Amino acid sequence: MERAAPATPRGRDEVAKMAEAYMRASGTAIREMPIAERTPPQTGSVTGRAVAKDEAHIAVATAANTFMVVEASSLTRDVQIGEQLSLRFHQGRASIDNGRGRGR
């Protein structure tokens, strides 16, 4: 009996394609410019809007024609398409930044 290869890379690529299609269809992308996928940072914060997802990945638009794909398993709750997110990265893993623990 053969084992199927893990679907993670293919699923990630599919989410990236869905993100680009959503950004074009929704009018959030600038029509004359290409849409680019950026690499998530190792540390720091990013804000954006969820534009595509599957069971394992979420694509977040960070600018008009830019998005990144992150693992959904590292987030603490289900995210809806169109939802505004604030993500905090630590060692390359994303978590939803709910603003707690900050001064003011």
PDB file of N, CA and C in Angstrom:
ATOM      1  N   MET A   1       0.846  -1.186   0.000  1.00  0.00           N
ATOM      2  CA  MET A   1       0.000   0.000   0.000  1.00  0.00           C
ATOM      3  C   MET A   1       0.886   1.242   0.000  1.00  0.00           C
ATOM      4  N   GLU A   2       0.640   2.147  -0.916  1.00  0.00           N
ATOM      5  CA  GLU A   2       1.435   3.375  -1.011  1.00  0.00           C
ATOM      6  C   GLU A   2       0.857   4.452  -0.114  1.00  0.00           C
ATOM      7  N   ARG A   3       1.762   5.252   0.418  1.00  0.00           N
ATOM      8  CA  ARG A   3       1.321   6.393   1.232  1.00  0.00           C
ATOM      9  C   ARG A   3       1.302   7.641   0.368  1.00  0.00           C
ATOM     10  N   ALA A   4       0.321   8.470   0.575  1.00  0.00           N
ATOM     11  CA  ALA A   4       0.250   9.737  -0.157  1.00  0.00           C
ATOM     12  C   ALA A   4       1.244  10.716   0.452  1.00  0.00           C
ATOM     13  N   ALA A   5       1.810  11.541  -0.383  1.00  0.00           N
ATOM     14  CA  ALA A   5       2.731  12.573   0.101  1.00  0.00           C
ATOM     15  C   ALA A   5       1.944  13.598   0.900  1.00  0.00           C
ATOM     16  N   PRO A   6       2.571  14.242   1.880  1.00  0.00           N
ATOM     17  CA  PRO A   6       1.868  15.265   2.655  1.00  0.00           C
ATOM     18  C   PRO A   6       1.326  16.365   1.742  1.00  0.00           C
ATOM     19  N   ALA A   7       0.122  16.815   2.031  1.00  0.00           N
ATOM     20  CA  ALA A   7      -0.538  17.807   1.183  1.00  0.00           C
ATOM     21  C   ALA A   7      -0.164  19.236   1.548  1.00  0.00           C
ATOM     22  N   THR A   8       0.674  19.427   2.554  1.00  0.00           N
ATOM     23  CA  THR A   8       0.965  20.773   3.035  1.00  0.00           C
ATOM     24  C   THR A   8       1.514  21.714   1.967  1.00  0.00           C
ATOM     25  N   PRO A   9       2.580  21.359   1.203  1.00  0.00           N
ATOM     26  CA  PRO A   9       3.074  22.300   0.205  1.00  0.00           C
ATOM     27  C   PRO A   9       2.025  22.616  -0.858  1.00  0.00           C
ATOM     28  N   ARG A  10       1.310  21.581  -1.329  1.00  0.00           N
ATOM     29  CA  ARG A  10       0.281  21.817  -2.334  1.00  0.00           C
ATOM     30  C   ARG A  10      -0.843  22.677  -1.765  1.00  0.00           C
ATOM     31  N   GLY A  11      -1.247  22.393  -0.523  1.00  0.00           N
ATOM     32  CA  GLY A  11      -2.290  23.184   0.107  1.00  0.00           C
ATOM     33  C   GLY A  11      -1.881  24.632   0.269  1.00  0.00           C
ATOM     34  N   ARG A  12      -0.625  24.851   0.615  1.00  0.00           N
ATOM     35  CA  ARG A  12      -0.111  26.206   0.762  1.00  0.00           C
ATOM     36  C   ARG A  12      -0.154  26.944  -0.579  1.00  0.00           C
ATOM     37  N   ASP A  13       0.250  26.251  -1.642  1.00  0.00           N
ATOM     38  CA  ASP A  13       0.216  26.848  -2.983  1.00  0.00           C
ATOM     39  C   ASP A  13      -1.218  27.168  -3.406  1.00  0.00           C
ATOM     40  N   GLU A  14      -2.142  26.286  -3.066  1.00  0.00           N
ATOM     41  CA  GLU A  14      -3.548  26.525  -3.397  1.00  0.00           C
ATOM     42  C   GLU A  14      -4.086  27.749  -2.657  1.00  0.00           C
ATOM     43  N   VAL A  15      -3.711  27.894  -1.396  1.00  0.00           N
ATOM     44  CA  VAL A  15      -4.141  29.064  -0.622  1.00  0.00           C
ATOM     45  C   VAL A  15      -3.559  30.334  -1.250  1.00  0.00           C
ATOM     46  N   ALA A  16      -2.316  30.280  -1.702  1.00  0.00           N
ATOM     47  CA  ALA A  16      -1.707  31.440  -2.363  1.00  0.00           C
ATOM     48  C   ALA A  16      -2.470  31.808  -3.638  1.00  0.00           C
ATOM     49  N   LYS A  17      -2.869  30.807  -4.419  1.00  0.00           N
ATOM     50  CA  LYS A  17      -3.653  31.066  -5.635  1.00  0.00           C
ATOM     51  C   LYS A  17      -5.018  31.653  -5.288  1.00  0.00           C
ATOM     52  N   MET A  18      -5.640  31.103  -4.241  1.00  0.00           N
ATOM     53  CA  MET A  18      -6.950  31.622  -3.811  1.00  0.00           C
ATOM     54  C   MET A  18      -6.820  33.072  -3.336  1.00  0.00           C
ATOM     55  N   ALA A  19      -5.730  33.379  -2.647  1.00  0.00           N
ATOM     56  CA  ALA A  19      -5.512  34.745  -2.155  1.00  0.00           C
ATOM     57  C   ALA A  19      -5.422  35.720  -3.315  1.00  0.00           C
ATOM     58  N   GLU A  20      -4.636  35.357  -4.319  1.00  0.00           N
ATOM     59  CA  GLU A  20      -4.492  36.238  -5.482  1.00  0.00           C
ATOM     60  C   GLU A  20      -5.830  36.433  -6.188  1.00  0.00           C
ATOM     61  N   ALA A  21      -6.584  35.358  -6.368  1.00  0.00           N
ATOM     62  CA  ALA A  21      -7.898  35.450  -7.016  1.00  0.00           C
ATOM     63  C   ALA A  21      -8.855  36.323  -6.211  1.00  0.00           C
ATOM     64  N   TYR A  22      -8.870  36.153  -4.887  1.00  0.00           N
ATOM     65  CA  TYR A  22      -9.747  36.951  -4.023  1.00  0.00           C
ATOM     66  C   TYR A  22      -9.371  38.430  -4.103  1.00  0.00           C
ATOM     67  N   MET A  23      -8.072  38.716  -4.060  1.00  0.00           N
ATOM     68  CA  MET A  23      -7.635  40.114  -4.085  1.00  0.00           C
ATOM     69  C   MET A  23      -8.009  40.780  -5.411  1.00  0.00           C
ATOM     70  N   ARG A  24      -7.912  40.055  -6.517  1.00  0.00           N
ATOM     71  CA  ARG A  24      -8.324  40.593  -7.828  1.00  0.00           C
ATOM     72  C   ARG A  24      -9.840  40.784  -7.873  1.00  0.00           C
ATOM     73  N   ALA A  25     -10.584  39.764  -7.473  1.00  0.00           N
ATOM     74  CA  ALA A  25     -12.045  39.804  -7.565  1.00  0.00           C
ATOM     75  C   ALA A  25     -12.669  40.845  -6.646  1.00  0.00           C
ATOM     76  N   SER A  26     -12.079  41.042  -5.471  1.00  0.00           N
ATOM     77  CA  SER A  26     -12.655  41.974  -4.504  1.00  0.00           C
ATOM     78  C   SER A  26     -12.280  43.427  -4.790  1.00  0.00           C
ATOM     79  N   GLY A  27     -11.338  43.627  -5.702  1.00  0.00           N
ATOM     80  CA  GLY A  27     -10.926  44.991  -6.027  1.00  0.00           C
ATOM     81  C   GLY A  27      -9.923  45.583  -5.054  1.00  0.00           C
ATOM     82  N   THR A  28      -9.384  44.776  -4.153  1.00  0.00           N
ATOM     83  CA  THR A  28      -8.399  45.309  -3.208  1.00  0.00           C
ATOM     84  C   THR A  28      -7.028  45.462  -3.851  1.00  0.00           C
ATOM     85  N   ALA A  29      -6.764  44.699  -4.918  1.00  0.00           N
ATOM     86  CA  ALA A  29      -5.472  44.789  -5.608  1.00  0.00           C
ATOM     87  C   ALA A  29      -5.516  45.893  -6.655  1.00  0.00           C
ATOM     88  N   ILE A  30      -4.395  46.550  -6.856  1.00  0.00           N
ATOM     89  CA  ILE A  30      -4.266  47.539  -7.921  1.00  0.00           C
ATOM     90  C   ILE A  30      -4.148  46.755  -9.226  1.00  0.00           C
ATOM     91  N   ARG A  31      -5.077  46.970 -10.121  1.00  0.00           N
ATOM     92  CA  ARG A  31      -5.216  46.162 -11.319  1.00  0.00           C
ATOM     93  C   ARG A  31      -3.956  46.083 -12.179  1.00  0.00           C
ATOM     94  N   GLU A  32      -3.255  47.179 -12.338  1.00  0.00           N
ATOM     95  CA  GLU A  32      -2.115  47.247 -13.246  1.00  0.00           C
ATOM     96  C   GLU A  32      -0.836  46.654 -12.662  1.00  0.00           C
ATOM     97  N   MET A  33      -0.858  46.281 -11.409  1.00  0.00           N
ATOM     98  CA  MET A  33       0.355  45.782 -10.755  1.00  0.00           C
ATOM     99  C   MET A  33       0.227  44.298 -10.422  1.00  0.00           C
ATOM    100  N   PRO A  34       1.351  43.581 -10.432  1.00  0.00           N
ATOM    101  CA  PRO A  34       1.295  42.164 -10.039  1.00  0.00           C
ATOM    102  C   PRO A  34       1.056  42.023  -8.543  1.00  0.00           C
ATOM    103  N   ILE A  35       0.499  40.894  -8.163  1.00  0.00           N
ATOM    104  CA  ILE A  35       0.312  40.570  -6.747  1.00  0.00           C
ATOM    105  C   ILE A  35       1.492  39.713  -6.321  1.00  0.00           C
ATOM    106  N   ALA A  36       2.121  40.078  -5.211  1.00  0.00           N
ATOM    107  CA  ALA A  36       3.324  39.383  -4.751  1.00  0.00           C
ATOM    108  C   ALA A  36       3.092  38.741  -3.398  1.00  0.00           C
ATOM    109  N   GLU A  37       3.654  37.557  -3.246  1.00  0.00           N
ATOM    110  CA  GLU A  37       3.643  36.891  -1.946  1.00  0.00           C
ATOM    111  C   GLU A  37       4.941  37.219  -1.233  1.00  0.00           C
ATOM    112  N   ARG A  38       4.837  37.654  -0.006  1.00  0.00           N
ATOM    113  CA  ARG A  38       6.041  37.942   0.773  1.00  0.00           C
ATOM    114  C   ARG A  38       6.252  36.856   1.814  1.00  0.00           C
ATOM    115  N   THR A  39       7.465  36.751   2.262  1.00  0.00           N
ATOM    116  CA  THR A  39       7.812  35.779   3.292  1.00  0.00           C
ATOM    117  C   THR A  39       7.434  36.344   4.656  1.00  0.00           C
ATOM    118  N   PRO A  40       6.760  35.561   5.494  1.00  0.00           N
ATOM    119  CA  PRO A  40       6.446  36.052   6.839  1.00  0.00           C
ATOM    120  C   PRO A  40       7.732  36.357   7.612  1.00  0.00           C
ATOM    121  N   PRO A  41       7.713  37.376   8.465  1.00  0.00           N
ATOM    122  CA  PRO A  41       8.919  37.714   9.233  1.00  0.00           C
ATOM    123  C   PRO A  41       9.195  36.676  10.320  1.00  0.00           C
ATOM    124  N   GLN A  42      10.416  36.631  10.797  1.00  0.00           N
ATOM    125  CA  GLN A  42      10.780  35.762  11.914  1.00  0.00           C
ATOM    126  C   GLN A  42      10.273  36.335  13.230  1.00  0.00           C
ATOM    127  N   THR A  43      10.367  37.662  13.370  1.00  0.00           N
ATOM    128  CA  THR A  43       9.880  38.344  14.580  1.00  0.00           C
ATOM    129  C   THR A  43       9.198  39.638  14.169  1.00  0.00           C
ATOM    130  N   GLY A  44       8.353  40.146  15.042  1.00  0.00           N
ATOM    131  CA  GLY A  44       7.693  41.427  14.796  1.00  0.00           C
ATOM    132  C   GLY A  44       6.198  41.276  14.629  1.00  0.00           C
ATOM    133  N   SER A  45       5.577  42.355  14.163  1.00  0.00           N
ATOM    134  CA  SER A  45       4.123  42.408  14.010  1.00  0.00           C
ATOM    135  C   SER A  45       3.745  42.738  12.577  1.00  0.00           C
ATOM    136  N   VAL A  46       2.596  42.230  12.167  1.00  0.00           N
ATOM    137  CA  VAL A  46       2.052  42.484  10.838  1.00  0.00           C
ATOM    138  C   VAL A  46       0.545  42.629  10.983  1.00  0.00           C
ATOM    139  N   THR A  47      -0.027  43.589  10.286  1.00  0.00           N
ATOM    140  CA  THR A  47      -1.485  43.701  10.245  1.00  0.00           C
ATOM    141  C   THR A  47      -1.947  43.482   8.816  1.00  0.00           C
ATOM    142  N   GLY A  48      -3.147  42.978   8.670  1.00  0.00           N
ATOM    143  CA  GLY A  48      -3.702  42.746   7.350  1.00  0.00           C
ATOM    144  C   GLY A  48      -5.069  42.113   7.440  1.00  0.00           C
ATOM    145  N   ARG A  49      -5.565  41.714   6.276  1.00  0.00           N
ATOM    146  CA  ARG A  49      -6.905  41.135   6.174  1.00  0.00           C
ATOM    147  C   ARG A  49      -6.792  39.707   5.634  1.00  0.00           C
ATOM    148  N   ALA A  50      -7.514  38.780   6.253  1.00  0.00           N
ATOM    149  CA  ALA A  50      -7.523  37.395   5.783  1.00  0.00           C
ATOM    150  C   ALA A  50      -8.209  37.342   4.422  1.00  0.00           C
ATOM    151  N   VAL A  51      -7.514  36.769   3.427  1.00  0.00           N
ATOM    152  CA  VAL A  51      -8.059  36.735   2.068  1.00  0.00           C
ATOM    153  C   VAL A  51      -8.257  35.317   1.530  1.00  0.00           C
ATOM    154  N   ALA A  52      -7.717  34.311   2.192  1.00  0.00           N
ATOM    155  CA  ALA A  52      -7.919  32.919   1.772  1.00  0.00           C
ATOM    156  C   ALA A  52      -7.513  32.007   2.921  1.00  0.00           C
ATOM    157  N   LYS A  53      -8.079  30.791   2.918  1.00  0.00           N
ATOM    158  CA  LYS A  53      -7.678  29.838   3.952  1.00  0.00           C
ATOM    159  C   LYS A  53      -8.090  28.439   3.553  1.00  0.00           C
ATOM    160  N   ASP A  54      -7.409  27.471   4.163  1.00  0.00           N
ATOM    161  CA  ASP A  54      -7.829  26.075   4.151  1.00  0.00           C
ATOM    162  C   ASP A  54      -7.634  25.560   5.563  1.00  0.00           C
ATOM    163  N   GLU A  55      -7.631  24.261   5.743  1.00  0.00           N
ATOM    164  CA  GLU A  55      -7.505  23.720   7.098  1.00  0.00           C
ATOM    165  C   GLU A  55      -6.153  24.011   7.715  1.00  0.00           C
ATOM    166  N   ALA A  56      -5.112  24.163   6.889  1.00  0.00           N
ATOM    167  CA  ALA A  56      -3.749  24.282   7.404  1.00  0.00           C
ATOM    168  C   ALA A  56      -3.110  25.659   7.247  1.00  0.00           C
ATOM    169  N   HIS A  57      -3.638  26.519   6.370  1.00  0.00           N
ATOM    170  CA  HIS A  57      -2.991  27.797   6.069  1.00  0.00           C
ATOM    171  C   HIS A  57      -3.994  28.934   5.963  1.00  0.00           C
ATOM    172  N   ILE A  58      -3.497  30.137   6.227  1.00  0.00           N
ATOM    173  CA  ILE A  58      -4.286  31.362   6.061  1.00  0.00           C
ATOM    174  C   ILE A  58      -3.428  32.362   5.306  1.00  0.00           C
ATOM    175  N   ALA A  59      -4.017  32.997   4.297  1.00  0.00           N
ATOM    176  CA  ALA A  59      -3.330  34.058   3.559  1.00  0.00           C
ATOM    177  C   ALA A  59      -3.835  35.394   4.084  1.00  0.00           C
ATOM    178  N   VAL A  60      -2.898  36.295   4.366  1.00  0.00           N
ATOM    179  CA  VAL A  60      -3.220  37.609   4.913  1.00  0.00           C
ATOM    180  C   VAL A  60      -2.676  38.678   3.967  1.00  0.00           C
ATOM    181  N   ALA A  61      -3.569  39.527   3.439  1.00  0.00           N
ATOM    182  CA  ALA A  61      -3.139  40.640   2.593  1.00  0.00           C
ATOM    183  C   ALA A  61      -2.569  41.717   3.497  1.00  0.00           C
ATOM    184  N   THR A  62      -1.322  42.105   3.239  1.00  0.00           N
ATOM    185  CA  THR A  62      -0.649  43.088   4.078  1.00  0.00           C
ATOM    186  C   THR A  62      -0.571  44.456   3.419  1.00  0.00           C
ATOM    187  N   ALA A  63      -0.873  44.522   2.133  1.00  0.00           N
ATOM    188  CA  ALA A  63      -0.926  45.770   1.363  1.00  0.00           C
ATOM    189  C   ALA A  63      -1.813  45.485   0.153  1.00  0.00           C
ATOM    190  N   ALA A  64      -2.021  46.492  -0.697  1.00  0.00           N
ATOM    191  CA  ALA A  64      -2.930  46.331  -1.831  1.00  0.00           C
ATOM    192  C   ALA A  64      -2.574  45.135  -2.701  1.00  0.00           C
ATOM    193  N   ASN A  65      -1.311  44.903  -2.969  1.00  0.00           N
ATOM    194  CA  ASN A  65      -0.901  43.829  -3.864  1.00  0.00           C
ATOM    195  C   ASN A  65       0.093  42.866  -3.219  1.00  0.00           C
ATOM    196  N   THR A  66       0.040  42.746  -1.912  1.00  0.00           N
ATOM    197  CA  THR A  66       0.974  41.888  -1.196  1.00  0.00           C
ATOM    198  C   THR A  66       0.240  41.050  -0.158  1.00  0.00           C
ATOM    199  N   PHE A  67       0.627  39.781  -0.062  1.00  0.00           N
ATOM    200  CA  PHE A  67       0.056  38.902   0.948  1.00  0.00           C
ATOM    201  C   PHE A  67       1.130  37.948   1.442  1.00  0.00           C
ATOM    202  N   MET A  68       0.841  37.279   2.559  1.00  0.00           N
ATOM    203  CA  MET A  68       1.703  36.225   3.079  1.00  0.00           C
ATOM    204  C   MET A  68       0.826  35.069   3.526  1.00  0.00           C
ATOM    205  N   VAL A  69       1.386  33.876   3.503  1.00  0.00           N
ATOM    206  CA  VAL A  69       0.672  32.683   3.934  1.00  0.00           C
ATOM    207  C   VAL A  69       1.309  32.198   5.234  1.00  0.00           C
ATOM    208  N   VAL A  70       0.473  31.977   6.253  1.00  0.00           N
ATOM    209  CA  VAL A  70       0.952  31.492   7.547  1.00  0.00           C
ATOM    210  C   VAL A  70       0.217  30.207   7.909  1.00  0.00           C
ATOM    211  N   GLU A  71       0.797  29.441   8.815  1.00  0.00           N
ATOM    212  CA  GLU A  71       0.160  28.212   9.282  1.00  0.00           C
ATOM    213  C   GLU A  71      -1.015  28.548  10.197  1.00  0.00           C
ATOM    214  N   ALA A  72      -2.140  27.943   9.929  1.00  0.00           N
ATOM    215  CA  ALA A  72      -3.335  28.191  10.743  1.00  0.00           C
ATOM    216  C   ALA A  72      -3.222  27.559  12.121  1.00  0.00           C
ATOM    217  N   SER A  73      -2.444  26.496  12.244  1.00  0.00           N
ATOM    218  CA  SER A  73      -2.356  25.783  13.520  1.00  0.00           C
ATOM    219  C   SER A  73      -1.746  26.629  14.635  1.00  0.00           C
ATOM    220  N   SER A  74      -0.955  27.639  14.277  1.00  0.00           N
ATOM    221  CA  SER A  74      -0.335  28.465  15.309  1.00  0.00           C
ATOM    222  C   SER A  74      -1.265  29.568  15.819  1.00  0.00           C
ATOM    223  N   LEU A  75      -2.394  29.773  15.147  1.00  0.00           N
ATOM    224  CA  LEU A  75      -3.357  30.788  15.587  1.00  0.00           C
ATOM    225  C   LEU A  75      -4.295  30.173  16.614  1.00  0.00           C
ATOM    226  N   THR A  76      -4.769  30.993  17.523  1.00  0.00           N
ATOM    227  CA  THR A  76      -5.539  30.473  18.655  1.00  0.00           C
ATOM    228  C   THR A  76      -7.037  30.348  18.400  1.00  0.00           C
ATOM    229  N   ARG A  77      -7.488  30.773  17.230  1.00  0.00           N
ATOM    230  CA  ARG A  77      -8.926  30.687  16.941  1.00  0.00           C
ATOM    231  C   ARG A  77      -9.151  30.626  15.436  1.00  0.00           C
ATOM    232  N   ASP A  78     -10.387  30.323  15.046  1.00  0.00           N
ATOM    233  CA  ASP A  78     -10.749  30.279  13.640  1.00  0.00           C
ATOM    234  C   ASP A  78     -10.808  31.701  13.096  1.00  0.00           C
ATOM    235  N   VAL A  79     -10.306  31.896  11.912  1.00  0.00           N
ATOM    236  CA  VAL A  79     -10.268  33.211  11.270  1.00  0.00           C
ATOM    237  C   VAL A  79     -11.213  33.189  10.076  1.00  0.00           C
ATOM    238  N   GLN A  80     -11.955  34.258   9.877  1.00  0.00           N
ATOM    239  CA  GLN A  80     -12.893  34.361   8.766  1.00  0.00           C
ATOM    240  C   GLN A  80     -12.288  35.189   7.634  1.00  0.00           C
ATOM    241  N   ILE A  81     -12.621  34.839   6.390  1.00  0.00           N
ATOM    242  CA  ILE A  81     -12.168  35.607   5.237  1.00  0.00           C
ATOM    243  C   ILE A  81     -12.718  37.028   5.368  1.00  0.00           C
ATOM    244  N   GLY A  82     -11.876  38.011   5.121  1.00  0.00           N
ATOM    245  CA  GLY A  82     -12.264  39.412   5.240  1.00  0.00           C
ATOM    246  C   GLY A  82     -11.977  40.007   6.607  1.00  0.00           C
ATOM    247  N   GLU A  83     -11.638  39.169   7.575  1.00  0.00           N
ATOM    248  CA  GLU A  83     -11.376  39.633   8.935  1.00  0.00           C
ATOM    249  C   GLU A  83     -10.041  40.366   9.018  1.00  0.00           C
ATOM    250  N   GLN A  84     -10.041  41.503   9.697  1.00  0.00           N
ATOM    251  CA  GLN A  84      -8.807  42.261   9.939  1.00  0.00           C
ATOM    252  C   GLN A  84      -8.035  41.574  11.059  1.00  0.00           C
ATOM    253  N   LEU A  85      -6.734  41.344  10.832  1.00  0.00           N
ATOM    254  CA  LEU A  85      -5.914  40.634  11.808  1.00  0.00           C
ATOM    255  C   LEU A  85      -4.674  41.435  12.174  1.00  0.00           C
ATOM    256  N   SER A  86      -4.257  41.265  13.399  1.00  0.00           N
ATOM    257  CA  SER A  86      -2.969  41.769  13.852  1.00  0.00           C
ATOM    258  C   SER A  86      -2.195  40.538  14.316  1.00  0.00           C
ATOM    259  N   LEU A  87      -1.110  40.229  13.610  1.00  0.00           N
ATOM    260  CA  LEU A  87      -0.326  39.034  13.917  1.00  0.00           C
ATOM    261  C   LEU A  87       1.004  39.411  14.536  1.00  0.00           C
ATOM    262  N   ARG A  88       1.431  38.622  15.492  1.00  0.00           N
ATOM    263  CA  ARG A  88       2.746  38.780  16.111  1.00  0.00           C
ATOM    264  C   ARG A  88       3.541  37.529  15.777  1.00  0.00           C
ATOM    265  N   PHE A  89       4.791  37.733  15.343  1.00  0.00           N
ATOM    266  CA  PHE A  89       5.658  36.625  14.958  1.00  0.00           C
ATOM    267  C   PHE A  89       6.778  36.453  15.972  1.00  0.00           C
ATOM    268  N   HIS A  90       7.027  35.200  16.314  1.00  0.00           N
ATOM    269  CA  HIS A  90       8.143  34.843  17.196  1.00  0.00           C
ATOM    270  C   HIS A  90       8.740  33.556  16.650  1.00  0.00           C
ATOM    271  N   GLN A  91      10.006  33.597  16.287  1.00  0.00           N
ATOM    272  CA  GLN A  91      10.704  32.463  15.693  1.00  0.00           C
ATOM    273  C   GLN A  91       9.958  31.928  14.476  1.00  0.00           C
ATOM    274  N   GLY A  92       9.393  32.849  13.693  1.00  0.00           N
ATOM    275  CA  GLY A  92       8.720  32.487  12.461  1.00  0.00           C
ATOM    276  C   GLY A  92       7.302  31.978  12.597  1.00  0.00           C
ATOM    277  N   ARG A  93       6.804  31.848  13.809  1.00  0.00           N
ATOM    278  CA  ARG A  93       5.438  31.360  14.018  1.00  0.00           C
ATOM    279  C   ARG A  93       4.514  32.526  14.365  1.00  0.00           C
ATOM    280  N   ALA A  94       3.364  32.530  13.726  1.00  0.00           N
ATOM    281  CA  ALA A  94       2.400  33.615  13.913  1.00  0.00           C
ATOM    282  C   ALA A  94       1.428  33.299  15.036  1.00  0.00           C
ATOM    283  N   SER A  95       1.028  34.347  15.750  1.00  0.00           N
ATOM    284  CA  SER A  95      -0.067  34.244  16.706  1.00  0.00           C
ATOM    285  C   SER A  95      -0.896  35.508  16.564  1.00  0.00           C
ATOM    286  N   ILE A  96      -2.157  35.438  16.928  1.00  0.00           N
ATOM    287  CA  ILE A  96      -3.014  36.614  16.854  1.00  0.00           C
ATOM    288  C   ILE A  96      -2.681  37.517  18.017  1.00  0.00           C
ATOM    289  N   ASP A  97      -2.377  38.763  17.703  1.00  0.00           N
ATOM    290  CA  ASP A  97      -2.028  39.765  18.724  1.00  0.00           C
ATOM    291  C   ASP A  97      -3.316  40.435  19.158  1.00  0.00           C
ATOM    292  N   ASN A  98      -3.730  40.159  20.386  1.00  0.00           N
ATOM    293  CA  ASN A  98      -4.975  40.737  20.879  1.00  0.00           C
ATOM    294  C   ASN A  98      -4.744  42.031  21.659  1.00  0.00           C
ATOM    295  N   GLY A  99      -3.504  42.516  21.698  1.00  0.00           N
ATOM    296  CA  GLY A  99      -3.222  43.795  22.328  1.00  0.00           C
ATOM    297  C   GLY A  99      -2.973  43.748  23.814  1.00  0.00           C
ATOM    298  N   ARG A 100      -3.113  42.574  24.434  1.00  0.00           N
ATOM    299  CA  ARG A 100      -2.875  42.483  25.889  1.00  0.00           C
ATOM    300  C   ARG A 100      -1.395  42.552  26.179  1.00  0.00           C
ATOM    301  N   GLY A 101      -1.083  43.009  27.346  1.00  0.00           N
ATOM    302  CA  GLY A 101       0.304  43.060  27.780  1.00  0.00           C
ATOM    303  C   GLY A 101       1.066  44.268  27.304  1.00  0.00           C
ATOM    304  N   ARG A 102       0.375  45.178  26.675  1.00  0.00           N
ATOM    305  CA  ARG A 102       1.021  46.395  26.211  1.00  0.00           C
ATOM    306  C   ARG A 102       0.705  47.545  27.155  1.00  0.00           C
ATOM    307  N   GLY A 103       1.621  48.456  27.253  1.00  0.00           N
ATOM    308  CA  GLY A 103       1.338  49.668  28.026  1.00  0.00           C
ATOM    309  C   GLY A 103       0.404  50.562  27.250  1.00  0.00           C
ATOM    310  N   ARG A 104      -0.454  51.243  27.941  1.00  0.00           N
ATOM    311  CA  ARG A 104      -1.439  52.149  27.352  1.00  0.00           C
ATOM    312  C   ARG A 104      -2.294  51.467  26.345  1.00  0.00           C
TER     313      ARG A 104
END
